[in-house]
Amino acid sequence: MFEFDQYLGFLAFLTILTIGFWLMIFLLTFAVPYWIGGSLLEMYKEKKEERRKKKEALK
């Protein structure tokens, strides 16, 4: 039926597939929201600084 090297290749394939699946789950649940949240926070800080500079320029 299967030889031992084919069995090891199949196990390696399943291992790589499983690692990829859990990495994808991790990235979608933690890394992407962290990236989006940080980007939005940075945009908010830039706009706040811009408003502050405009306010100081009017004085």
PDB file of N, CA and C in Angstrom:
ATOM      1  N   MET A   1       0.838  -1.184   0.000  1.00  0.00           N
ATOM      2  CA  MET A   1       0.000   0.000   0.000  1.00  0.00           C
ATOM      3  C   MET A   1       0.887   1.253   0.000  1.00  0.00           C
ATOM      4  N   PHE A   2       1.235   1.777   1.151  1.00  0.00           N
ATOM      5  CA  PHE A   2       2.120   2.939   1.248  1.00  0.00           C
ATOM      6  C   PHE A   2       3.473   2.484   1.757  1.00  0.00           C
ATOM      7  N   GLU A   3       4.499   3.099   1.221  1.00  0.00           N
ATOM      8  CA  GLU A   3       5.825   2.859   1.770  1.00  0.00           C
ATOM      9  C   GLU A   3       6.110   3.911   2.823  1.00  0.00           C
ATOM     10  N   PHE A   4       7.127   3.671   3.626  1.00  0.00           N
ATOM     11  CA  PHE A   4       7.390   4.541   4.767  1.00  0.00           C
ATOM     12  C   PHE A   4       7.703   5.973   4.339  1.00  0.00           C
ATOM     13  N   ASP A   5       8.468   6.179   3.249  1.00  0.00           N
ATOM     14  CA  ASP A   5       8.806   7.537   2.819  1.00  0.00           C
ATOM     15  C   ASP A   5       7.586   8.291   2.309  1.00  0.00           C
ATOM     16  N   GLN A   6       6.628   7.562   1.716  1.00  0.00           N
ATOM     17  CA  GLN A   6       5.383   8.203   1.289  1.00  0.00           C
ATOM     18  C   GLN A   6       4.573   8.626   2.515  1.00  0.00           C
ATOM     19  N   TYR A   7       4.590   7.807   3.543  1.00  0.00           N
ATOM     20  CA  TYR A   7       3.881   8.127   4.784  1.00  0.00           C
ATOM     21  C   TYR A   7       4.492   9.371   5.424  1.00  0.00           C
ATOM     22  N   LEU A   8       5.834   9.475   5.450  1.00  0.00           N
ATOM     23  CA  LEU A   8       6.488  10.657   6.003  1.00  0.00           C
ATOM     24  C   LEU A   8       6.188  11.902   5.171  1.00  0.00           C
ATOM     25  N   GLY A   9       6.137  11.756   3.868  1.00  0.00           N
ATOM     26  CA  GLY A   9       5.787  12.887   3.001  1.00  0.00           C
ATOM     27  C   GLY A   9       4.375  13.365   3.258  1.00  0.00           C
ATOM     28  N   PHE A  10       3.456  12.410   3.448  1.00  0.00           N
ATOM     29  CA  PHE A  10       2.069  12.758   3.748  1.00  0.00           C
ATOM     30  C   PHE A  10       1.977  13.470   5.096  1.00  0.00           C
ATOM     31  N   LEU A  11       2.707  12.986   6.094  1.00  0.00           N
ATOM     32  CA  LEU A  11       2.711  13.641   7.405  1.00  0.00           C
ATOM     33  C   LEU A  11       3.312  15.045   7.321  1.00  0.00           C
ATOM     34  N   ALA A  12       4.370  15.199   6.527  1.00  0.00           N
ATOM     35  CA  ALA A  12       4.970  16.526   6.351  1.00  0.00           C
ATOM     36  C   ALA A  12       3.970  17.470   5.690  1.00  0.00           C
ATOM     37  N   PHE A  13       3.254  16.974   4.688  1.00  0.00           N
ATOM     38  CA  PHE A  13       2.239  17.785   4.015  1.00  0.00           C
ATOM     39  C   PHE A  13       1.147  18.205   4.995  1.00  0.00           C
ATOM     40  N   LEU A  14       0.657  17.285   5.791  1.00  0.00           N
ATOM     41  CA  LEU A  14      -0.385  17.620   6.768  1.00  0.00           C
ATOM     42  C   LEU A  14       0.125  18.614   7.813  1.00  0.00           C
ATOM     43  N   THR A  15       1.370  18.452   8.225  1.00  0.00           N
ATOM     44  CA  THR A  15       1.949  19.374   9.207  1.00  0.00           C
ATOM     45  C   THR A  15       2.032  20.781   8.642  1.00  0.00           C
ATOM     46  N   ILE A  16       2.550  20.914   7.439  1.00  0.00           N
ATOM     47  CA  ILE A  16       2.678  22.222   6.804  1.00  0.00           C
ATOM     48  C   ILE A  16       1.296  22.836   6.580  1.00  0.00           C
ATOM     49  N   LEU A  17       0.338  22.044   6.154  1.00  0.00           N
ATOM     50  CA  LEU A  17      -1.028  22.527   5.940  1.00  0.00           C
ATOM     51  C   LEU A  17      -1.634  23.019   7.250  1.00  0.00           C
ATOM     52  N   THR A  18      -1.441  22.277   8.321  1.00  0.00           N
ATOM     53  CA  THR A  18      -1.992  22.655   9.625  1.00  0.00           C
ATOM     54  C   THR A  18      -1.331  23.930  10.152  1.00  0.00           C
ATOM     55  N   ILE A  19      -0.014  24.018  10.010  1.00  0.00           N
ATOM     56  CA  ILE A  19       0.688  25.229  10.451  1.00  0.00           C
ATOM     57  C   ILE A  19       0.182  26.434   9.664  1.00  0.00           C
ATOM     58  N   GLY A  20       0.018  26.284   8.377  1.00  0.00           N
ATOM     59  CA  GLY A  20      -0.493  27.374   7.544  1.00  0.00           C
ATOM     60  C   GLY A  20      -1.895  27.787   7.939  1.00  0.00           C
ATOM     61  N   PHE A  21      -2.735  26.808   8.250  1.00  0.00           N
ATOM     62  CA  PHE A  21      -4.108  27.098   8.661  1.00  0.00           C
ATOM     63  C   PHE A  21      -4.125  27.908   9.952  1.00  0.00           C
ATOM     64  N   TRP A  22      -3.366  27.475  10.964  1.00  0.00           N
ATOM     65  CA  TRP A  22      -3.367  28.189  12.238  1.00  0.00           C
ATOM     66  C   TRP A  22      -2.697  29.544  12.130  1.00  0.00           C
ATOM     67  N   LEU A  23      -1.702  29.675  11.259  1.00  0.00           N
ATOM     68  CA  LEU A  23      -1.086  30.977  11.026  1.00  0.00           C
ATOM     69  C   LEU A  23      -2.103  31.929  10.405  1.00  0.00           C
ATOM     70  N   MET A  24      -2.881  31.446   9.455  1.00  0.00           N
ATOM     71  CA  MET A  24      -3.909  32.271   8.838  1.00  0.00           C
ATOM     72  C   MET A  24      -4.945  32.708   9.877  1.00  0.00           C
ATOM     73  N   ILE A  25      -5.375  31.788  10.730  1.00  0.00           N
ATOM     74  CA  ILE A  25      -6.337  32.123  11.782  1.00  0.00           C
ATOM     75  C   ILE A  25      -5.747  33.181  12.711  1.00  0.00           C
ATOM     76  N   PHE A  26      -4.490  33.018  13.114  1.00  0.00           N
ATOM     77  CA  PHE A  26      -3.835  33.992  13.986  1.00  0.00           C
ATOM     78  C   PHE A  26      -3.787  35.364  13.335  1.00  0.00           C
ATOM     79  N   LEU A  27      -3.373  35.412  12.068  1.00  0.00           N
ATOM     80  CA  LEU A  27      -3.253  36.693  11.394  1.00  0.00           C
ATOM     81  C   LEU A  27      -4.597  37.384  11.248  1.00  0.00           C
ATOM     82  N   LEU A  28      -5.638  36.623  10.960  1.00  0.00           N
ATOM     83  CA  LEU A  28      -6.957  37.227  10.783  1.00  0.00           C
ATOM     84  C   LEU A  28      -7.566  37.690  12.098  1.00  0.00           C
ATOM     85  N   THR A  29      -7.234  37.047  13.215  1.00  0.00           N
ATOM     86  CA  THR A  29      -7.867  37.407  14.476  1.00  0.00           C
ATOM     87  C   THR A  29      -7.060  38.411  15.298  1.00  0.00           C
ATOM     88  N   PHE A  30      -5.741  38.439  15.154  1.00  0.00           N
ATOM     89  CA  PHE A  30      -4.925  39.318  15.980  1.00  0.00           C
ATOM     90  C   PHE A  30      -4.144  40.344  15.162  1.00  0.00           C
ATOM     91  N   ALA A  31      -3.386  39.907  14.198  1.00  0.00           N
ATOM     92  CA  ALA A  31      -2.460  40.805  13.510  1.00  0.00           C
ATOM     93  C   ALA A  31      -3.178  41.841  12.651  1.00  0.00           C
ATOM     94  N   VAL A  32      -4.181  41.434  11.886  1.00  0.00           N
ATOM     95  CA  VAL A  32      -4.871  42.379  11.007  1.00  0.00           C
ATOM     96  C   VAL A  32      -5.634  43.433  11.809  1.00  0.00           C
ATOM     97  N   PRO A  33      -6.432  43.053  12.831  1.00  0.00           N
ATOM     98  CA  PRO A  33      -7.090  44.105  13.624  1.00  0.00           C
ATOM     99  C   PRO A  33      -6.097  45.029  14.328  1.00  0.00           C
ATOM    100  N   TYR A  34      -4.969  44.498  14.789  1.00  0.00           N
ATOM    101  CA  TYR A  34      -3.929  45.319  15.424  1.00  0.00           C
ATOM    102  C   TYR A  34      -3.366  46.329  14.426  1.00  0.00           C
ATOM    103  N   TRP A  35      -3.135  45.873  13.204  1.00  0.00           N
ATOM    104  CA  TRP A  35      -2.606  46.730  12.156  1.00  0.00           C
ATOM    105  C   TRP A  35      -3.610  47.827  11.805  1.00  0.00           C
ATOM    106  N   ILE A  36      -4.877  47.462  11.649  1.00  0.00           N
ATOM    107  CA  ILE A  36      -5.911  48.439  11.310  1.00  0.00           C
ATOM    108  C   ILE A  36      -6.101  49.435  12.455  1.00  0.00           C
ATOM    109  N   GLY A  37      -6.151  48.934  13.687  1.00  0.00           N
ATOM    110  CA  GLY A  37      -6.314  49.816  14.843  1.00  0.00           C
ATOM    111  C   GLY A  37      -5.163  50.799  14.984  1.00  0.00           C
ATOM    112  N   GLY A  38      -3.942  50.327  14.802  1.00  0.00           N
ATOM    113  CA  GLY A  38      -2.783  51.207  14.870  1.00  0.00           C
ATOM    114  C   GLY A  38      -2.797  52.253  13.770  1.00  0.00           C
ATOM    115  N   SER A  39      -3.224  51.857  12.594  1.00  0.00           N
ATOM    116  CA  SER A  39      -3.311  52.788  11.475  1.00  0.00           C
ATOM    117  C   SER A  39      -4.347  53.875  11.755  1.00  0.00           C
ATOM    118  N   LEU A  40      -5.500  53.484  12.277  1.00  0.00           N
ATOM    119  CA  LEU A  40      -6.540  54.460  12.603  1.00  0.00           C
ATOM    120  C   LEU A  40      -6.093  55.395  13.714  1.00  0.00           C
ATOM    121  N   LEU A  41      -5.411  54.873  14.723  1.00  0.00           N
ATOM    122  CA  LEU A  41      -4.907  55.704  15.814  1.00  0.00           C
ATOM    123  C   LEU A  41      -3.877  56.711  15.300  1.00  0.00           C
ATOM    124  N   GLU A  42      -3.000  56.270  14.423  1.00  0.00           N
ATOM    125  CA  GLU A  42      -1.997  57.163  13.850  1.00  0.00           C
ATOM    126  C   GLU A  42      -2.661  58.252  13.012  1.00  0.00           C
ATOM    127  N   MET A  43      -3.684  57.904  12.232  1.00  0.00           N
ATOM    128  CA  MET A  43      -4.404  58.884  11.430  1.00  0.00           C
ATOM    129  C   MET A  43      -5.095  59.919  12.332  1.00  0.00           C
ATOM    130  N   TYR A  44      -5.669  59.452  13.435  1.00  0.00           N
ATOM    131  CA  TYR A  44      -6.320  60.357  14.391  1.00  0.00           C
ATOM    132  C   TYR A  44      -5.305  61.338  14.997  1.00  0.00           C
ATOM    133  N   LYS A  45      -4.139  60.829  15.351  1.00  0.00           N
ATOM    134  CA  LYS A  45      -3.104  61.699  15.935  1.00  0.00           C
ATOM    135  C   LYS A  45      -2.634  62.751  14.924  1.00  0.00           C
ATOM    136  N   GLU A  46      -2.484  62.348  13.656  1.00  0.00           N
ATOM    137  CA  GLU A  46      -2.053  63.294  12.633  1.00  0.00           C
ATOM    138  C   GLU A  46      -3.091  64.388  12.425  1.00  0.00           C
ATOM    139  N   LYS A  47      -4.360  64.035  12.382  1.00  0.00           N
ATOM    140  CA  LYS A  47      -5.414  65.034  12.197  1.00  0.00           C
ATOM    141  C   LYS A  47      -5.505  65.968  13.408  1.00  0.00           C
ATOM    142  N   LYS A  48      -5.325  65.403  14.592  1.00  0.00           N
ATOM    143  CA  LYS A  48      -5.358  66.209  15.815  1.00  0.00           C
ATOM    144  C   LYS A  48      -4.210  67.223  15.807  1.00  0.00           C
ATOM    145  N   GLU A  49      -3.039  66.775  15.408  1.00  0.00           N
ATOM    146  CA  GLU A  49      -1.876  67.665  15.324  1.00  0.00           C
ATOM    147  C   GLU A  49      -2.099  68.743  14.270  1.00  0.00           C
ATOM    148  N   GLU A  50      -2.700  68.384  13.145  1.00  0.00           N
ATOM    149  CA  GLU A  50      -2.980  69.341  12.078  1.00  0.00           C
ATOM    150  C   GLU A  50      -3.964  70.413  12.563  1.00  0.00           C
ATOM    151  N   ARG A  51      -5.001  70.001  13.286  1.00  0.00           N
ATOM    152  CA  ARG A  51      -5.964  70.960  13.831  1.00  0.00           C
ATOM    153  C   ARG A  51      -5.287  71.892  14.845  1.00  0.00           C
ATOM    154  N   ARG A  52      -4.392  71.342  15.652  1.00  0.00           N
ATOM    155  CA  ARG A  52      -3.693  72.148  16.642  1.00  0.00           C
ATOM    156  C   ARG A  52      -2.816  73.203  15.971  1.00  0.00           C
ATOM    157  N   LYS A  53      -2.140  72.804  14.887  1.00  0.00           N
ATOM    158  CA  LYS A  53      -1.288  73.746  14.164  1.00  0.00           C
ATOM    159  C   LYS A  53      -2.104  74.847  13.511  1.00  0.00           C
ATOM    160  N   LYS A  54      -3.271  74.487  12.946  1.00  0.00           N
ATOM    161  CA  LYS A  54      -4.137  75.506  12.332  1.00  0.00           C
ATOM    162  C   LYS A  54      -4.637  76.484  13.390  1.00  0.00           C
ATOM    163  N   LYS A  55      -4.976  75.956  14.561  1.00  0.00           N
ATOM    164  CA  LYS A  55      -5.466  76.798  15.648  1.00  0.00           C
ATOM    165  C   LYS A  55      -4.378  77.760  16.119  1.00  0.00           C
ATOM    166  N   GLU A  56      -3.143  77.287  16.195  1.00  0.00           N
ATOM    167  CA  GLU A  56      -2.040  78.150  16.603  1.00  0.00           C
ATOM    168  C   GLU A  56      -1.731  79.196  15.535  1.00  0.00           C
ATOM    169  N   ALA A  57      -1.902  78.836  14.277  1.00  0.00           N
ATOM    170  CA  ALA A  57      -1.619  79.782  13.189  1.00  0.00           C
ATOM    171  C   ALA A  57      -2.637  80.925  13.180  1.00  0.00           C
ATOM    172  N   LEU A  58      -3.846  80.688  13.640  1.00  0.00           N
ATOM    173  CA  LEU A  58      -4.862  81.732  13.671  1.00  0.00           C
ATOM    174  C   LEU A  58      -4.632  82.720  14.799  1.00  0.00           C
ATOM    175  N   LYS A  59      -3.901  82.355  15.809  1.00  0.00           N
ATOM    176  CA  LYS A  59      -3.669  83.261  16.946  1.00  0.00           C
ATOM    177  C   LYS A  59      -2.654  84.314  16.645  1.00  0.00           C
TER     178      LYS A  59
END
